[in-house]
Amino acid sequence: MGCDPNVYAPCQKDADGRLWVFESWSDGCTTAHRIDSTEDPQTYTATFRRPRR
């Protein structure tokens, strides 16, 4: 098929260099997970948070 059905949410840095860590996917799955294709378009949102001190 030519595409990777896996999605990943690595840590991110914002424009000020502050670190953000993965909190959750909108579908409730873990940081890296496989997405099964469907006939209907799907949207997935990764939520990030500031690390706890």
Protein backbone atom coordinates (compact mmCIF):
# COMPACT_ATOMS: atom_id res chain seq x y z
CA MET A 1 0.00 0.00 0.00
CA GLY A 2 3.00 2.31 0.45
CA CYS A 3 2.07 3.95 3.74
CA ASP A 4 2.94 3.34 7.37
CA PRO A 5 -0.18 2.52 9.44
CA ASN A 6 1.68 3.39 12.65
CA VAL A 7 1.49 6.78 14.35
CA TYR A 8 3.95 8.18 16.88
CA ALA A 9 3.90 11.12 19.29
CA PRO A 10 7.49 11.95 20.31
CA CYS A 11 8.26 14.73 22.82
CA GLN A 12 8.10 18.22 21.33
CA LYS A 13 9.69 21.61 22.06
CA ASP A 14 7.85 24.86 21.59
CA ALA A 15 9.27 28.10 20.13
CA ASP A 16 10.69 29.02 23.57
CA GLY A 17 12.51 25.67 23.88
CA ARG A 18 10.14 24.29 26.55
CA LEU A 19 9.62 20.53 26.48
CA TRP A 20 6.16 19.01 26.01
CA VAL A 21 5.53 15.30 26.59
CA PHE A 22 2.82 13.08 25.16
CA GLU A 23 -0.34 12.81 27.24
CA SER A 24 -2.84 10.91 25.08
CA TRP A 25 -4.32 10.22 21.66
CA SER A 26 -7.91 11.22 20.99
CA ASP A 27 -8.77 7.53 20.53
CA GLY A 28 -7.26 6.60 23.92
CA CYS A 29 -4.30 4.59 22.57
CA THR A 30 -0.65 4.71 23.64
CA THR A 31 2.18 6.93 22.35
CA ALA A 32 2.88 4.69 19.34
CA HIS A 33 0.12 2.58 17.90
CA ARG A 34 -1.21 1.07 14.71
CA ILE A 35 -4.18 2.58 12.91
CA ASP A 36 -6.40 0.22 10.96
CA SER A 37 -7.70 1.70 7.73
CA THR A 38 -11.42 2.23 7.27
CA GLU A 39 -13.65 3.41 4.45
CA ASP A 40 -14.40 6.62 6.36
CA PRO A 41 -11.77 9.35 6.91
CA GLN A 42 -10.46 9.43 10.48
CA THR A 43 -8.86 12.23 12.51
CA TYR A 44 -6.46 11.57 15.39
CA THR A 45 -5.26 14.26 17.78
CA ALA A 46 -2.21 13.93 20.04
CA THR A 47 -2.40 15.88 23.32
CA PHE A 48 0.82 17.02 25.00
CA ARG A 49 1.49 18.45 28.47
CA ARG A 50 4.37 20.11 30.27
CA PRO A 51 6.51 17.58 32.22
CA ARG A 52 5.85 17.29 35.94
CA ARG A 53 8.67 18.50 38.14
